[in-house]
Amino acid sequence: MGFLSRKQVEKLRFKHLGKNVSISGKASFYRPENISIGDNTRIDDFVVISAGDGGVNIGKNVHVAVFTSLIGKGKITIDDYANFSSRVSVYSSNDDYSGRFMTNPTVNEKFTGVDHSDVFIGKHVIIGCGSVILPGAILEEGVAIGALSLVKAGKYKRLGIYVGAPAKYLKRRLRNLLKLEKEFEKFVK
């Protein structure tokens, strides 16, 4: 995987760019002026980040794996230490599939029924391969989403493990990662 140099990344003109950011030369960014990226974050090959009016705010020490997409008009917030496995899709906009409206971005919005809702992904959240996060989802600190899960609008409780389509609560996640975060912060200073 080839990462861009700092100078190359700066030419993309992000709203905010932290220190020690690794971005693949094969990643794509739309409206980078609405994208903030925190320190020590890594964005891998074939990631697509398309920021709408609400923007995309990515915290520090976040990993976004290959073929992941973050797309939509609503705000997408990703807190520190979050981890996206490959092929995760996060949407802050979603078409109405009922047939009452037309769909797709080539149609004037007067004829579409697109829902735009913010998405929040908390600190230490991990999202498994192939999962889809829909507008209005709030994943609190430490939430784990199993592979191939569908996360609908709503609140997913702190340190919960959720799996399935739609995602349902499975059990509580261990708190050890919160202790390790404190040790890690001391280690990197």
Foldseek 3Di string as FASTA:
>chain_A
DDWDDPVVVVVVPACAEEAPETEDPQEEEAPNPQEHAYAQEYEDHQEYEYEACQGEYAYYCEYHDALEYEDENHYEYAYANEYEYYNEYEYQKDWDPPPQFDDDPVDPCVRTDMHGAYEYHEHCEYEAANEYEYHQEYEYAQEYEYHNEYDYHDYDDHQFYWYHDPTDTDGGHDPVVVVVVVVVVVVVD
